[in-house]
């Protein structure tokens, strides 16, 4: 039952006379400072983390399904929206979750480890939220923004800006360093079933929570489509040890090019290739020889992002009859404390999230490919 709070409390006892330990402590504390989700107050951190541990992270590896984690998040988010969506979850909400899920976690015929399998998650959610929840979760027409809605009309009436109000969004922070000092990173392309399916999925941001991985998720915070959309990113580090530490950041789509404007597509990809080929970049080309670029967009950070100032890009192309999605990021050099936080608690998760290493459960792009 390790929570964000208990994890950071343990770090307070690291010996400050040991430089390596101090760096690790500082890194994790800085990573954890923008804790968890905008819908959960700090006092909810321990029980929210414990619930997600039960739903996924503490289950044996061969009994995990990433959609069970998405289900766990959906239970939390649907409960929040139905209860009081102008406010965050707090420790006062714990008794309701205990009444709904506690018996299954402790039952002799259950897991016996304090965990919850899928059937128990759905049964508990129906006790907590309503008998319609399981059917609604399984119905794309009643599931969006990471929430299950009782009716299609309720889904259509949802205003995602209610969560934006809780986010307290800071200013945009694109990279500002000279070109020669910028940090570039490209990630391996991930094959997709079809280009049309990718376009349909990515341009419907309300579906992005359906592609969440075990280490990260994007939740849209504004009405409308992809252009100008703002996302809350929730990232988990330490998942391999079953001790997830959650933090969040915000990005906004500040540029979007599609085949509707071929000149814009050409210019966007040319700028990307020029940056990768420029001073300070040792990364490969964005597109393989002979590829056809289709869609690209920029995700620019907001103040307080766990990677500092910069922006990431997602782009879609076809090559030799197949469709691929790839990510490439550009960042200002991180100040030493932030760099330590990222190295200790975020770097591996960031790389895996965008597909490096090919761990399907950890990569949003692989989860997108599976969903399509």
Protein backbone atom coordinates (compact mmCIF):
# COMPACT_ATOMS: atom_id res chain seq x y z
CA UNK A 1 0.00 0.00 0.00
CA UNK A 2 2.84 2.36 -0.84
CA UNK A 3 1.50 5.76 -1.78
CA UNK A 4 2.94 8.91 -3.17
CA UNK A 5 2.92 10.42 0.28
CA UNK A 6 4.65 7.50 2.02
CA UNK A 7 7.23 7.26 -0.75
CA UNK A 8 8.25 10.90 -0.37
CA UNK A 9 8.16 10.64 3.43
CA UNK A 10 10.74 7.84 3.22
CA UNK A 11 12.95 10.03 1.08
CA UNK A 12 13.04 12.69 3.78
CA UNK A 13 15.26 10.37 5.83
CA UNK A 14 18.02 10.01 3.23
CA UNK A 15 21.40 11.12 4.62
CA UNK A 16 22.09 14.62 3.27
CA UNK A 17 25.83 14.02 3.62
CA UNK A 18 25.80 11.44 0.83
CA UNK A 19 25.82 13.27 -2.55
CA UNK A 20 24.35 10.40 -4.60
CA UNK A 21 21.57 9.80 -2.11
CA UNK A 22 20.87 13.52 -1.94
CA UNK A 23 20.58 13.72 -5.72
CA UNK A 24 18.16 10.80 -5.79
CA UNK A 25 16.11 12.27 -2.96
CA UNK A 26 15.96 15.69 -4.59
CA UNK A 27 15.06 14.14 -7.92
CA UNK A 28 12.13 12.11 -6.63
CA UNK A 29 10.83 14.97 -4.49
CA UNK A 30 10.89 17.35 -7.44
CA UNK A 31 9.27 14.75 -9.69
CA UNK A 32 6.54 14.19 -7.11
CA UNK A 33 5.92 17.87 -6.38
CA UNK A 34 3.21 18.29 -9.04
CA UNK A 35 1.57 15.25 -7.63
CA UNK A 36 -0.89 12.91 -9.21
CA UNK A 37 -3.99 14.10 -10.97
CA UNK A 38 -5.79 17.44 -10.98
CA UNK A 39 -8.95 15.68 -9.76
CA UNK A 40 -7.30 14.40 -6.54
CA UNK A 41 -6.15 16.54 -3.64
CA UNK A 42 -2.89 15.77 -1.84
CA UNK A 43 -4.75 14.10 1.02
CA UNK A 44 -6.28 11.67 -1.51
CA UNK A 45 -2.87 10.64 -2.87
CA UNK A 46 -2.34 7.64 -0.57
CA UNK A 47 -5.71 5.96 -1.11
CA UNK A 48 -5.87 6.76 -4.84
CA UNK A 49 -2.44 5.20 -5.29
CA UNK A 50 -3.49 2.21 -3.20
CA UNK A 51 -6.60 1.73 -5.35
CA UNK A 52 -4.57 1.79 -8.58
CA UNK A 53 -2.07 -0.62 -7.00
CA UNK A 54 -4.95 -3.00 -6.30
CA UNK A 55 -6.34 -2.61 -9.82
CA UNK A 56 -3.04 -3.18 -11.59
CA UNK A 57 0.43 -2.41 -10.26
CA UNK A 58 0.47 -4.94 -7.39
CA UNK A 59 -1.12 -7.75 -9.34
CA UNK A 60 1.22 -10.49 -10.60
CA UNK A 61 2.64 -9.57 -14.00
CA UNK A 62 0.92 -12.50 -15.74
CA UNK A 63 -2.46 -11.35 -14.35
CA UNK A 64 -2.24 -7.75 -15.53
CA UNK A 65 -4.11 -6.21 -18.42
CA UNK A 66 -3.49 -2.53 -19.16
CA UNK A 67 -7.20 -2.03 -19.75
CA UNK A 68 -7.77 -2.96 -16.10
CA UNK A 69 -5.64 0.05 -15.17
CA UNK A 70 -7.63 2.22 -17.56
CA UNK A 71 -10.76 0.81 -15.90
CA UNK A 72 -9.39 1.77 -12.48
CA UNK A 73 -8.72 5.32 -13.65
CA UNK A 74 -12.19 5.44 -15.20
CA UNK A 75 -13.78 4.44 -11.90
CA UNK A 76 -11.95 7.28 -10.15
CA UNK A 77 -12.75 9.85 -12.83
CA UNK A 78 -16.40 8.85 -13.23
CA UNK A 79 -16.90 8.96 -9.46
CA UNK A 80 -15.24 12.40 -9.32
CA UNK A 81 -17.40 13.78 -12.12
CA UNK A 82 -20.64 12.39 -10.72
CA UNK A 83 -19.93 13.49 -7.16
CA UNK A 84 -18.64 17.03 -7.31
CA UNK A 85 -16.67 17.80 -10.44
CA UNK A 86 -15.92 21.36 -9.38
CA UNK A 87 -13.80 19.98 -6.52
CA UNK A 88 -11.06 17.41 -6.06
CA UNK A 89 -11.28 14.01 -4.42
CA UNK A 90 -10.13 14.00 -0.79
CA UNK A 91 -9.56 11.59 2.05
CA UNK A 92 -13.25 11.98 2.90
CA UNK A 93 -14.03 9.97 -0.27
CA UNK A 94 -12.09 6.95 0.96
CA UNK A 95 -14.98 5.40 2.97
CA UNK A 96 -17.13 5.19 -0.17
CA UNK A 97 -14.37 3.29 -2.01
CA UNK A 98 -13.80 1.05 0.99
CA UNK A 99 -17.48 0.14 1.11
CA UNK A 100 -17.49 -0.62 -2.62
CA UNK A 101 -14.21 -2.53 -2.92
CA UNK A 102 -12.93 -3.41 0.54
CA UNK A 103 -14.77 -6.71 0.97
CA UNK A 104 -13.48 -8.10 -2.35
CA UNK A 105 -9.92 -7.09 -1.53
CA UNK A 106 -10.03 -9.01 1.73
CA UNK A 107 -12.25 -11.96 0.80
CA UNK A 108 -10.90 -15.50 1.02
CA UNK A 109 -12.26 -16.34 -2.44
CA UNK A 110 -10.73 -13.20 -3.94
CA UNK A 111 -7.12 -12.41 -4.66
CA UNK A 112 -5.99 -12.78 -1.05
CA UNK A 113 -3.38 -10.07 -1.74
CA UNK A 114 -5.50 -6.98 -1.36
CA UNK A 115 -5.78 -6.68 -5.14
CA UNK A 116 -8.80 -6.54 -7.42
CA UNK A 117 -9.39 -8.52 -10.61
CA UNK A 118 -11.47 -7.15 -13.47
CA UNK A 119 -14.74 -8.69 -12.33
CA UNK A 120 -14.23 -7.26 -8.85
CA UNK A 121 -13.41 -3.82 -10.29
CA UNK A 122 -16.61 -3.80 -12.32
CA UNK A 123 -18.76 -5.11 -9.47
CA UNK A 124 -17.32 -2.56 -7.05
CA UNK A 125 -17.81 0.25 -9.56
CA UNK A 126 -21.47 -0.67 -9.91
CA UNK A 127 -21.84 -0.50 -6.13
CA UNK A 128 -19.98 2.83 -6.03
CA UNK A 129 -21.41 4.58 -9.09
CA UNK A 130 -24.45 2.72 -10.35
CA UNK A 131 -25.63 -0.55 -11.97
CA UNK A 132 -25.16 0.98 -15.44
CA UNK A 133 -21.38 1.44 -15.11
CA UNK A 134 -20.11 -1.86 -16.57
CA UNK A 135 -22.23 -1.58 -19.71
CA UNK A 136 -21.32 2.08 -20.14
CA UNK A 137 -17.60 1.38 -19.81
CA UNK A 138 -17.85 -1.22 -22.57
CA UNK A 139 -19.75 1.15 -24.88
CA UNK A 140 -17.62 3.69 -26.85
CA UNK A 141 -20.76 5.77 -27.36
CA UNK A 142 -20.95 6.29 -23.58
CA UNK A 143 -17.21 6.42 -22.75
CA UNK A 144 -15.00 9.45 -23.40
CA UNK A 145 -12.49 11.69 -21.62
CA UNK A 146 -11.74 8.74 -19.35
CA UNK A 147 -15.31 8.81 -18.01
CA UNK A 148 -18.22 6.36 -18.35
CA UNK A 149 -21.57 8.11 -18.82
CA UNK A 150 -24.96 6.68 -18.01
CA UNK A 151 -26.43 7.82 -21.35
CA UNK A 152 -25.25 9.01 -24.75
CA UNK A 153 -26.88 12.34 -24.00
CA UNK A 154 -24.86 12.71 -20.81
CA UNK A 155 -21.67 12.08 -22.79
CA UNK A 156 -22.65 14.73 -25.33
CA UNK A 157 -23.36 17.23 -22.54
CA UNK A 158 -19.96 16.83 -20.87
CA UNK A 159 -17.75 19.93 -20.77
CA UNK A 160 -14.08 18.92 -20.33
CA UNK A 161 -13.16 22.43 -19.20
CA UNK A 162 -14.52 21.56 -15.74
CA UNK A 163 -11.22 19.70 -15.25
CA UNK A 164 -9.23 22.54 -16.81
CA UNK A 165 -10.50 24.74 -13.98
CA UNK A 166 -8.78 22.43 -11.47
CA UNK A 167 -5.56 22.25 -13.48
CA UNK A 168 -4.47 25.85 -12.80
CA UNK A 169 -2.71 25.98 -16.12
CA UNK A 170 0.55 27.94 -16.31
CA UNK A 171 2.03 29.81 -19.27
CA UNK A 172 3.28 28.01 -22.36
CA UNK A 173 7.02 27.28 -22.14
CA UNK A 174 8.47 26.47 -25.56
CA UNK A 175 12.23 25.98 -25.77
CA UNK A 176 14.28 29.19 -25.74
CA UNK A 177 17.93 28.06 -25.85
CA UNK A 178 20.13 28.65 -28.93
CA UNK A 179 19.74 25.93 -31.55
CA UNK A 180 23.19 24.49 -30.82
CA UNK A 181 22.27 23.94 -27.16
CA UNK A 182 18.87 22.32 -27.62
CA UNK A 183 18.37 18.68 -26.66
CA UNK A 184 16.72 16.56 -29.36
CA UNK A 185 15.27 13.10 -29.02
CA UNK A 186 13.57 10.89 -31.57
CA UNK A 187 11.85 7.61 -30.74
CA UNK A 188 11.40 4.46 -32.81
CA UNK A 189 8.41 4.52 -35.18
CA UNK A 190 5.48 2.30 -34.22
CA UNK A 191 3.59 0.50 -36.99
CA UNK A 192 -0.16 1.14 -37.22
CA UNK A 193 -2.94 -0.85 -38.92
CA UNK A 194 -3.89 2.05 -41.22
CA UNK A 195 -3.23 5.75 -41.66
CA UNK A 196 -6.96 6.57 -41.82
CA UNK A 197 -7.59 4.83 -38.50
CA UNK A 198 -4.78 6.80 -36.83
CA UNK A 199 -6.12 10.10 -38.14
CA UNK A 200 -9.61 9.28 -36.91
CA UNK A 201 -8.30 8.32 -33.46
CA UNK A 202 -5.88 11.18 -32.87
CA UNK A 203 -8.28 13.85 -34.12
CA UNK A 204 -10.85 12.68 -31.55
CA UNK A 205 -8.95 13.71 -28.38
CA UNK A 206 -11.78 12.55 -26.13
CA UNK A 207 -10.65 8.98 -26.96
CA UNK A 208 -7.00 9.46 -25.95
CA UNK A 209 -7.52 8.04 -22.43
CA UNK A 210 -8.45 4.76 -24.19
CA UNK A 211 -4.81 4.47 -25.32
CA UNK A 212 -3.22 5.05 -21.92
CA UNK A 213 -0.32 2.78 -21.00
CA UNK A 214 0.75 1.55 -17.58
CA UNK A 215 3.10 4.54 -17.22
CA UNK A 216 1.22 7.42 -18.79
CA UNK A 217 -2.05 8.85 -20.02
CA UNK A 218 -3.29 11.96 -21.84
CA UNK A 219 -6.61 13.55 -20.83
CA UNK A 220 -8.00 16.44 -22.95
CA UNK A 221 -9.14 19.52 -21.05
CA UNK A 222 -10.89 21.60 -23.71
CA UNK A 223 -13.96 21.12 -25.92
CA UNK A 224 -13.42 20.56 -29.63
CA UNK A 225 -10.85 18.72 -31.67
CA UNK A 226 -7.09 18.39 -31.72
CA UNK A 227 -6.04 21.85 -32.90
CA UNK A 228 -5.42 24.02 -29.82
CA UNK A 229 -6.29 21.15 -27.45
CA UNK A 230 -4.67 21.08 -24.00
CA UNK A 231 -3.84 17.76 -22.34
CA UNK A 232 -3.11 16.80 -18.78
CA UNK A 233 -0.36 14.17 -18.80
CA UNK A 234 -0.24 11.81 -15.83
CA UNK A 235 3.03 9.90 -15.62
CA UNK A 236 4.00 7.07 -13.27
CA UNK A 237 7.59 6.21 -12.37
CA UNK A 238 8.71 3.26 -10.25
CA UNK A 239 6.10 0.91 -11.69
CA UNK A 240 8.56 -1.97 -12.15
CA UNK A 241 8.90 -2.23 -8.39
CA UNK A 242 5.16 -1.89 -7.79
CA UNK A 243 5.72 1.49 -6.13
CA UNK A 244 4.28 3.98 -8.61
CA UNK A 245 5.06 7.65 -8.05
CA UNK A 246 2.66 9.86 -9.98
CA UNK A 247 3.23 13.33 -11.36
CA UNK A 248 1.56 15.43 -14.01
CA UNK A 249 2.29 18.08 -16.61
CA UNK A 250 0.40 20.00 -19.26
CA UNK A 251 0.89 20.43 -23.01
CA UNK A 252 -1.08 22.25 -25.70
CA UNK A 253 -1.25 21.53 -29.42
CA UNK A 254 0.31 24.67 -30.88
CA UNK A 255 0.65 23.52 -34.51
CA UNK A 256 -1.20 20.95 -36.59
CA UNK A 257 -0.61 20.08 -40.25
CA UNK A 258 -2.74 17.69 -42.30
CA UNK A 259 -3.09 16.67 -45.96
CA UNK A 260 -5.72 19.42 -46.29
CA UNK A 261 -2.76 21.83 -46.60
CA UNK A 262 0.08 20.00 -48.43
CA UNK A 263 2.38 23.05 -48.31
CA UNK A 264 2.06 23.23 -44.52
CA UNK A 265 2.86 19.51 -44.26
CA UNK A 266 5.97 19.96 -46.40
CA UNK A 267 7.16 22.97 -44.38
CA UNK A 268 6.52 21.31 -40.99
CA UNK A 269 8.45 18.15 -41.85
CA UNK A 270 11.24 20.16 -43.50
CA UNK A 271 11.68 22.17 -40.30
CA UNK A 272 11.79 18.96 -38.28
CA UNK A 273 14.43 17.40 -40.52
CA UNK A 274 16.48 20.60 -40.46
CA UNK A 275 16.42 20.68 -36.69
CA UNK A 276 17.49 17.05 -36.41
CA UNK A 277 20.32 17.63 -38.85
CA UNK A 278 21.44 20.84 -37.14
CA UNK A 279 24.09 21.57 -34.54
CA UNK A 280 23.76 19.68 -31.30
CA UNK A 281 21.57 16.93 -32.72
CA UNK A 282 22.85 13.38 -33.13
CA UNK A 283 19.44 11.91 -33.85
CA UNK A 284 18.42 10.02 -37.02
CA UNK A 285 16.17 11.45 -39.71
CA UNK A 286 12.50 11.72 -38.88
CA UNK A 287 11.37 10.04 -42.10
CA UNK A 288 12.98 7.11 -43.87
CA UNK A 289 13.92 7.60 -47.52
CA UNK A 290 10.84 7.41 -49.72
CA UNK A 291 8.31 7.96 -46.90
CA UNK A 292 5.18 10.07 -47.42
CA UNK A 293 4.44 12.52 -44.56
CA UNK A 294 0.76 12.89 -43.69
CA UNK A 295 0.10 14.54 -40.33
CA UNK A 296 2.22 16.31 -37.72
CA UNK A 297 1.52 18.32 -34.59
CA UNK A 298 3.42 20.08 -31.82
CA UNK A 299 2.73 19.54 -28.10
CA UNK A 300 4.20 22.54 -26.26
CA UNK A 301 4.82 22.39 -22.52
CA UNK A 302 3.29 24.62 -19.88
CA UNK A 303 5.05 26.00 -16.83
CA UNK A 304 5.81 23.28 -14.28
CA UNK A 305 6.18 20.45 -16.80
CA UNK A 306 8.44 17.69 -15.43
CA UNK A 307 10.79 18.04 -18.42
CA UNK A 308 11.04 21.81 -18.35
CA UNK A 309 10.69 24.04 -21.42
CA UNK A 310 10.26 22.44 -24.82
CA UNK A 311 7.86 20.63 -27.05
CA UNK A 312 7.23 17.19 -28.39
CA UNK A 313 5.92 16.24 -31.79
CA UNK A 314 3.81 13.37 -33.02
CA UNK A 315 3.74 12.60 -36.70
CA UNK A 316 2.21 10.07 -39.07
CA UNK A 317 3.69 8.84 -42.33
CA UNK A 318 3.46 5.92 -44.71
CA UNK A 319 6.40 3.90 -46.01
CA UNK A 320 6.38 0.88 -48.29
CA UNK A 321 2.64 0.47 -47.91
CA UNK A 322 2.56 0.68 -44.10
CA UNK A 323 1.58 3.46 -41.68
CA UNK A 324 3.80 4.59 -38.80
CA UNK A 325 3.51 7.02 -35.89
CA UNK A 326 6.63 8.50 -34.34
CA UNK A 327 7.54 11.05 -31.65
CA UNK A 328 10.36 13.58 -31.55
CA UNK A 329 11.06 16.10 -28.80
CA UNK A 330 13.10 19.28 -28.43
CA UNK A 331 14.02 20.68 -25.00
CA UNK A 332 16.06 23.37 -23.33
CA UNK A 333 18.96 21.96 -21.32
CA UNK A 334 17.53 21.15 -17.91
CA UNK A 335 18.81 22.96 -14.82
CA UNK A 336 20.75 20.58 -12.59
CA UNK A 337 17.98 19.89 -10.03
CA UNK A 338 15.39 19.24 -12.74
CA UNK A 339 17.86 17.09 -14.67
CA UNK A 340 18.40 14.95 -11.55
CA UNK A 341 14.66 14.60 -11.06
CA UNK A 342 14.21 13.53 -14.65
CA UNK A 343 17.15 11.12 -14.61
CA UNK A 344 16.09 9.44 -11.38
CA UNK A 345 12.33 9.36 -11.78
CA UNK A 346 11.22 10.15 -15.30
CA UNK A 347 13.67 9.43 -18.09
CA UNK A 348 13.08 5.71 -18.50
CA UNK A 349 9.31 6.19 -18.31
CA UNK A 350 9.39 8.99 -20.89
CA UNK A 351 11.37 6.90 -23.37
CA UNK A 352 9.24 3.78 -22.89
CA UNK A 353 6.01 5.78 -23.16
CA UNK A 354 6.89 6.86 -26.71
CA UNK A 355 7.79 3.33 -27.77
CA UNK A 356 11.50 2.93 -27.05
CA UNK A 357 12.25 -0.64 -26.06
CA UNK A 358 9.02 -1.93 -27.57
CA UNK A 359 7.36 -2.72 -24.21
CA UNK A 360 3.74 -2.73 -25.33
CA UNK A 361 2.22 -2.27 -21.88
CA UNK A 362 4.28 0.88 -21.30
CA UNK A 363 3.90 2.61 -24.66
CA UNK A 364 0.92 4.78 -25.56
CA UNK A 365 1.71 4.36 -29.27
CA UNK A 366 1.68 0.58 -28.99
CA UNK A 367 -1.59 0.77 -27.08
CA UNK A 368 -2.99 2.94 -29.88
CA UNK A 369 -1.93 0.35 -32.44
CA UNK A 370 -3.62 -2.42 -30.43
CA UNK A 371 -6.82 -0.43 -30.06
CA UNK A 372 -7.01 0.20 -33.80
